[in-house]
Amino acid sequence: MVWGWVLSGKWQLGLSVGLLEMLTKIVLYFLHDRAWHRVELKSTKPSHVIHLTKTITWRIIGTLDTILLSWMLSGDIALGLQLGSIEIVTKMILYYLHERLWHRVKFSGKTISAEA
């Protein structure tokens, strides 16, 4: 939202991209998480490997979503690419931390903990 405003100079564009992204990413994240849930159930790999791979695949999807929405709303592919390249690193770090925290959450009396 803020980066869209900063790069375009138009707060309305930043707000539009940010609000639309919230909606599209909810749907995309749900689909991505369901697919990975099936992989996690069958996997014998350490959770760090799964979380890192999941982080990278989600960031690809999320960045493509940002680029396309920014481009569609602004009509400027360069702006879409700028926004996508800014968020790719910052959001990948945030998503990995989010995954590690969720892996430690306690549900229905049993703890699901991550390896150190």
N, C-alpha and C. Protein backbone atom coordinates (compact mmCIF):
# COMPACT_ATOMS: atom_id res chain seq x y z
N MET A 1 0.82 -1.17 0.00
CA MET A 1 0.00 0.00 0.00
C MET A 1 0.88 1.25 0.00
N VAL A 2 1.78 1.33 0.98
CA VAL A 2 2.64 2.50 1.10
C VAL A 2 3.60 2.59 -0.08
N TRP A 3 4.19 1.46 -0.48
CA TRP A 3 5.13 1.50 -1.60
C TRP A 3 4.44 1.92 -2.89
N GLY A 4 3.20 1.50 -3.09
CA GLY A 4 2.46 1.94 -4.27
C GLY A 4 2.28 3.44 -4.30
N TRP A 5 2.00 4.01 -3.16
CA TRP A 5 1.85 5.45 -3.02
C TRP A 5 3.18 6.15 -3.24
N VAL A 6 4.24 5.65 -2.59
CA VAL A 6 5.56 6.28 -2.69
C VAL A 6 6.06 6.25 -4.13
N LEU A 7 5.95 5.10 -4.78
CA LEU A 7 6.49 4.97 -6.14
C LEU A 7 5.66 5.70 -7.20
N SER A 8 4.35 5.72 -7.01
CA SER A 8 3.49 6.36 -8.02
C SER A 8 3.19 7.81 -7.70
N GLY A 9 3.31 8.17 -6.43
CA GLY A 9 2.94 9.53 -6.02
C GLY A 9 1.43 9.70 -5.88
N LYS A 10 0.69 8.60 -6.01
CA LYS A 10 -0.78 8.65 -5.94
C LYS A 10 -1.26 7.78 -4.79
N TRP A 11 -1.76 8.40 -3.73
CA TRP A 11 -2.21 7.62 -2.58
C TRP A 11 -3.40 6.73 -2.94
N GLN A 12 -4.23 7.19 -3.89
CA GLN A 12 -5.39 6.40 -4.30
C GLN A 12 -4.96 5.08 -4.93
N LEU A 13 -3.90 5.12 -5.71
CA LEU A 13 -3.39 3.90 -6.34
C LEU A 13 -2.82 2.96 -5.28
N GLY A 14 -2.05 3.52 -4.35
CA GLY A 14 -1.51 2.70 -3.27
C GLY A 14 -2.61 2.04 -2.46
N LEU A 15 -3.66 2.79 -2.16
CA LEU A 15 -4.80 2.25 -1.41
C LEU A 15 -5.53 1.18 -2.21
N SER A 16 -5.76 1.43 -3.49
CA SER A 16 -6.45 0.47 -4.35
C SER A 16 -5.68 -0.85 -4.45
N VAL A 17 -4.38 -0.75 -4.70
CA VAL A 17 -3.56 -1.95 -4.80
C VAL A 17 -3.58 -2.70 -3.47
N GLY A 18 -3.39 -1.97 -2.38
CA GLY A 18 -3.36 -2.60 -1.06
C GLY A 18 -4.65 -3.31 -0.70
N LEU A 19 -5.78 -2.68 -0.95
CA LEU A 19 -7.06 -3.30 -0.61
C LEU A 19 -7.37 -4.50 -1.51
N LEU A 20 -7.10 -4.36 -2.79
CA LEU A 20 -7.36 -5.47 -3.71
C LEU A 20 -6.42 -6.65 -3.40
N GLU A 21 -5.18 -6.33 -3.05
CA GLU A 21 -4.24 -7.39 -2.69
C GLU A 21 -4.70 -8.18 -1.47
N MET A 22 -5.30 -7.50 -0.50
CA MET A 22 -5.78 -8.22 0.67
C MET A 22 -6.78 -9.29 0.27
N LEU A 23 -7.66 -8.96 -0.64
CA LEU A 23 -8.67 -9.92 -1.09
C LEU A 23 -8.05 -11.06 -1.90
N THR A 24 -7.24 -10.72 -2.88
CA THR A 24 -6.67 -11.76 -3.74
C THR A 24 -5.71 -12.65 -2.97
N LYS A 25 -4.95 -12.07 -2.08
CA LYS A 25 -3.97 -12.88 -1.34
C LYS A 25 -4.64 -13.81 -0.33
N ILE A 26 -5.80 -13.44 0.20
CA ILE A 26 -6.52 -14.36 1.09
C ILE A 26 -6.86 -15.64 0.33
N VAL A 27 -7.40 -15.49 -0.86
CA VAL A 27 -7.77 -16.65 -1.67
C VAL A 27 -6.53 -17.42 -2.11
N LEU A 28 -5.54 -16.72 -2.62
CA LEU A 28 -4.32 -17.39 -3.08
C LEU A 28 -3.59 -18.09 -1.93
N TYR A 29 -3.55 -17.44 -0.76
CA TYR A 29 -2.87 -18.06 0.39
C TYR A 29 -3.60 -19.32 0.83
N PHE A 30 -4.91 -19.28 0.86
CA PHE A 30 -5.69 -20.46 1.24
C PHE A 30 -5.37 -21.63 0.31
N LEU A 31 -5.38 -21.38 -0.99
CA LEU A 31 -5.10 -22.44 -1.96
C LEU A 31 -3.66 -22.95 -1.82
N HIS A 32 -2.72 -22.05 -1.64
CA HIS A 32 -1.32 -22.42 -1.46
C HIS A 32 -1.14 -23.25 -0.19
N ASP A 33 -1.75 -22.83 0.90
CA ASP A 33 -1.61 -23.53 2.16
C ASP A 33 -2.24 -24.92 2.11
N ARG A 34 -3.38 -25.06 1.47
CA ARG A 34 -4.02 -26.38 1.33
C ARG A 34 -3.13 -27.33 0.56
N ALA A 35 -2.53 -26.85 -0.51
CA ALA A 35 -1.64 -27.70 -1.30
C ALA A 35 -0.43 -28.13 -0.46
N TRP A 36 0.15 -27.20 0.28
CA TRP A 36 1.31 -27.53 1.11
C TRP A 36 0.95 -28.41 2.29
N HIS A 37 -0.24 -28.31 2.78
CA HIS A 37 -0.66 -29.17 3.89
C HIS A 37 -0.56 -30.64 3.48
N ARG A 38 -0.91 -30.93 2.26
CA ARG A 38 -0.80 -32.31 1.76
C ARG A 38 0.66 -32.75 1.68
N VAL A 39 1.54 -31.86 1.27
CA VAL A 39 2.97 -32.17 1.19
C VAL A 39 3.53 -32.41 2.58
N GLU A 40 3.17 -31.54 3.54
CA GLU A 40 3.69 -31.65 4.90
C GLU A 40 3.29 -32.97 5.55
N LEU A 41 2.08 -33.44 5.29
CA LEU A 41 1.63 -34.68 5.89
C LEU A 41 2.43 -35.88 5.40
N LYS A 42 2.89 -35.83 4.17
CA LYS A 42 3.61 -36.94 3.56
C LYS A 42 5.14 -36.81 3.68
N SER A 43 5.61 -35.65 4.08
CA SER A 43 7.05 -35.39 4.06
C SER A 43 7.77 -35.89 5.31
N THR A 44 9.00 -36.32 5.10
CA THR A 44 9.87 -36.69 6.21
C THR A 44 11.01 -35.68 6.35
N LYS A 45 10.98 -34.63 5.55
CA LYS A 45 12.03 -33.61 5.59
C LYS A 45 11.86 -32.74 6.84
N PRO A 46 12.96 -32.16 7.34
CA PRO A 46 12.85 -31.26 8.50
C PRO A 46 11.95 -30.07 8.19
N SER A 47 11.29 -29.56 9.21
CA SER A 47 10.34 -28.47 8.99
C SER A 47 11.01 -27.23 8.41
N HIS A 48 12.29 -26.99 8.73
CA HIS A 48 12.98 -25.82 8.16
C HIS A 48 13.03 -25.89 6.64
N VAL A 49 13.27 -27.06 6.10
CA VAL A 49 13.33 -27.24 4.65
C VAL A 49 11.95 -26.98 4.04
N ILE A 50 10.93 -27.55 4.66
CA ILE A 50 9.56 -27.35 4.17
C ILE A 50 9.18 -25.88 4.26
N HIS A 51 9.47 -25.24 5.39
CA HIS A 51 9.09 -23.84 5.55
C HIS A 51 9.83 -22.92 4.59
N LEU A 52 11.09 -23.20 4.34
CA LEU A 52 11.84 -22.39 3.39
C LEU A 52 11.29 -22.56 1.97
N THR A 53 11.01 -23.78 1.58
CA THR A 53 10.44 -24.04 0.25
C THR A 53 9.05 -23.42 0.13
N LYS A 54 8.26 -23.56 1.18
CA LYS A 54 6.93 -22.96 1.20
C LYS A 54 7.01 -21.43 1.11
N THR A 55 7.99 -20.86 1.79
CA THR A 55 8.22 -19.41 1.75
C THR A 55 8.52 -18.96 0.33
N ILE A 56 9.40 -19.67 -0.34
CA ILE A 56 9.80 -19.28 -1.70
C ILE A 56 8.63 -19.42 -2.67
N THR A 57 7.90 -20.52 -2.61
CA THR A 57 6.77 -20.69 -3.54
C THR A 57 5.68 -19.66 -3.28
N TRP A 58 5.42 -19.34 -2.00
CA TRP A 58 4.40 -18.33 -1.71
C TRP A 58 4.86 -16.96 -2.19
N ARG A 59 6.15 -16.66 -2.04
CA ARG A 59 6.62 -15.35 -2.47
C ARG A 59 6.51 -15.19 -3.97
N ILE A 60 6.75 -16.24 -4.72
CA ILE A 60 6.59 -16.18 -6.18
C ILE A 60 5.14 -15.86 -6.52
N ILE A 61 4.21 -16.57 -5.90
CA ILE A 61 2.78 -16.32 -6.14
C ILE A 61 2.39 -14.91 -5.70
N GLY A 62 2.81 -14.52 -4.50
CA GLY A 62 2.47 -13.20 -3.98
C GLY A 62 3.04 -12.07 -4.81
N THR A 63 4.27 -12.22 -5.27
CA THR A 63 4.90 -11.18 -6.07
C THR A 63 4.24 -11.06 -7.44
N LEU A 64 3.92 -12.19 -8.06
CA LEU A 64 3.19 -12.13 -9.34
C LEU A 64 1.84 -11.45 -9.17
N ASP A 65 1.17 -11.72 -8.06
CA ASP A 65 -0.12 -11.07 -7.77
C ASP A 65 0.07 -9.56 -7.66
N THR A 66 1.09 -9.12 -6.92
CA THR A 66 1.35 -7.69 -6.76
C THR A 66 1.68 -7.02 -8.09
N ILE A 67 2.54 -7.67 -8.87
CA ILE A 67 2.93 -7.09 -10.16
C ILE A 67 1.71 -6.94 -11.07
N LEU A 68 0.92 -8.01 -11.17
CA LEU A 68 -0.25 -7.96 -12.06
C LEU A 68 -1.29 -6.94 -11.61
N LEU A 69 -1.59 -6.91 -10.31
CA LEU A 69 -2.58 -5.94 -9.82
C LEU A 69 -2.09 -4.51 -10.01
N SER A 70 -0.83 -4.26 -9.68
CA SER A 70 -0.27 -2.91 -9.83
C SER A 70 -0.28 -2.47 -11.29
N TRP A 71 0.06 -3.38 -12.16
CA TRP A 71 0.08 -3.09 -13.59
C TRP A 71 -1.34 -2.82 -14.09
N MET A 72 -2.29 -3.69 -13.69
CA MET A 72 -3.69 -3.51 -14.14
C MET A 72 -4.28 -2.20 -13.64
N LEU A 73 -4.01 -1.84 -12.40
CA LEU A 73 -4.61 -0.64 -11.83
C LEU A 73 -3.93 0.65 -12.28
N SER A 74 -2.62 0.57 -12.56
CA SER A 74 -1.90 1.78 -12.95
C SER A 74 -1.73 1.90 -14.46
N GLY A 75 -1.77 0.76 -15.15
CA GLY A 75 -1.48 0.77 -16.58
C GLY A 75 0.01 0.88 -16.87
N ASP A 76 0.83 0.73 -15.84
CA ASP A 76 2.28 0.91 -15.96
C ASP A 76 3.00 -0.35 -15.50
N ILE A 77 3.51 -1.12 -16.44
CA ILE A 77 4.22 -2.37 -16.11
C ILE A 77 5.46 -2.09 -15.27
N ALA A 78 6.14 -0.98 -15.54
CA ALA A 78 7.35 -0.65 -14.78
C ALA A 78 7.02 -0.46 -13.30
N LEU A 79 5.91 0.17 -13.00
CA LEU A 79 5.49 0.36 -11.61
C LEU A 79 5.20 -1.00 -10.97
N GLY A 80 4.52 -1.86 -11.69
CA GLY A 80 4.24 -3.20 -11.17
C GLY A 80 5.51 -3.97 -10.86
N LEU A 81 6.49 -3.89 -11.75
CA LEU A 81 7.76 -4.57 -11.54
C LEU A 81 8.54 -3.97 -10.36
N GLN A 82 8.47 -2.64 -10.21
CA GLN A 82 9.14 -1.99 -9.08
C GLN A 82 8.53 -2.45 -7.76
N LEU A 83 7.21 -2.45 -7.69
CA LEU A 83 6.55 -2.88 -6.46
C LEU A 83 6.86 -4.34 -6.15
N GLY A 84 6.83 -5.18 -7.16
CA GLY A 84 7.14 -6.59 -6.97
C GLY A 84 8.55 -6.81 -6.48
N SER A 85 9.50 -6.07 -7.03
CA SER A 85 10.90 -6.28 -6.63
C SER A 85 11.18 -5.74 -5.23
N ILE A 86 10.48 -4.71 -4.80
CA ILE A 86 10.67 -4.20 -3.44
C ILE A 86 10.15 -5.19 -2.41
N GLU A 87 8.98 -5.75 -2.68
CA GLU A 87 8.36 -6.60 -1.67
C GLU A 87 8.90 -8.03 -1.64
N ILE A 88 9.58 -8.46 -2.65
CA ILE A 88 9.98 -9.86 -2.71
C ILE A 88 10.87 -10.26 -1.53
N VAL A 89 11.81 -9.43 -1.16
CA VAL A 89 12.71 -9.77 -0.06
C VAL A 89 12.04 -9.54 1.29
N THR A 90 11.45 -8.38 1.48
CA THR A 90 10.86 -8.05 2.79
C THR A 90 9.75 -9.03 3.16
N LYS A 91 8.90 -9.35 2.24
CA LYS A 91 7.78 -10.23 2.55
C LYS A 91 8.21 -11.69 2.67
N MET A 92 9.30 -12.08 2.01
CA MET A 92 9.79 -13.44 2.17
C MET A 92 10.30 -13.65 3.60
N ILE A 93 11.00 -12.67 4.11
CA ILE A 93 11.49 -12.75 5.49
C ILE A 93 10.31 -12.79 6.47
N LEU A 94 9.35 -11.92 6.29
CA LEU A 94 8.18 -11.90 7.17
C LEU A 94 7.39 -13.20 7.10
N TYR A 95 7.24 -13.76 5.92
CA TYR A 95 6.49 -15.01 5.77
C TYR A 95 7.21 -16.17 6.46
N TYR A 96 8.53 -16.24 6.31
CA TYR A 96 9.28 -17.32 6.96
C TYR A 96 9.12 -17.24 8.48
N LEU A 97 9.24 -16.05 9.03
CA LEU A 97 9.06 -15.87 10.48
C LEU A 97 7.64 -16.25 10.90
N HIS A 98 6.66 -15.88 10.09
CA HIS A 98 5.26 -16.23 10.34
C HIS A 98 5.08 -17.75 10.38
N GLU A 99 5.67 -18.45 9.43
CA GLU A 99 5.58 -19.91 9.38
C GLU A 99 6.22 -20.55 10.60
N ARG A 100 7.38 -20.06 11.01
CA ARG A 100 8.06 -20.62 12.18
C ARG A 100 7.22 -20.41 13.44
N LEU A 101 6.62 -19.25 13.58
CA LEU A 101 5.77 -18.99 14.75
C LEU A 101 4.54 -19.89 14.76
N TRP A 102 3.88 -20.01 13.62
CA TRP A 102 2.69 -20.86 13.55
C TRP A 102 3.01 -22.32 13.82
N HIS A 103 4.22 -22.73 13.49
CA HIS A 103 4.62 -24.11 13.73
C HIS A 103 4.72 -24.41 15.22
N ARG A 104 4.84 -23.37 16.03
CA ARG A 104 4.95 -23.52 17.48
C ARG A 104 3.63 -23.33 18.22
N VAL A 105 2.57 -23.04 17.52
CA VAL A 105 1.27 -22.77 18.14
C VAL A 105 0.69 -24.03 18.78
N LYS A 106 0.02 -23.84 19.89
CA LYS A 106 -0.59 -24.95 20.61
C LYS A 106 -2.07 -25.04 20.20
N PHE A 107 -2.47 -26.19 19.68
CA PHE A 107 -3.85 -26.42 19.29
C PHE A 107 -4.41 -27.60 20.06
N SER A 108 -5.62 -27.48 20.51
CA SER A 108 -6.37 -28.55 21.17
C SER A 108 -5.54 -29.37 22.16
N GLY A 109 -4.82 -28.66 23.01
CA GLY A 109 -4.11 -29.34 24.07
C GLY A 109 -2.76 -29.93 23.72
N LYS A 110 -2.41 -30.02 22.44
CA LYS A 110 -1.10 -30.58 22.12
C LYS A 110 -0.24 -29.53 21.42
N THR A 111 1.01 -29.53 21.75
CA THR A 111 1.93 -28.55 21.19
C THR A 111 2.56 -29.09 19.91
N ILE A 112 2.58 -28.24 18.93
CA ILE A 112 3.26 -28.56 17.68
C ILE A 112 4.52 -27.72 17.70
N SER A 113 5.66 -28.30 17.98
CA SER A 113 6.87 -27.47 18.10
C SER A 113 7.81 -27.72 16.93
N ALA A 114 8.59 -26.69 16.67
CA ALA A 114 9.57 -26.75 15.58
C ALA A 114 10.92 -27.21 16.11
N GLU A 115 11.69 -27.84 15.24
CA GLU A 115 13.04 -28.18 15.61
C GLU A 115 13.84 -26.88 15.75
N ALA A 116 14.85 -26.91 16.53
CA ALA A 116 15.67 -25.70 16.75
C ALA A 116 16.48 -25.35 15.54
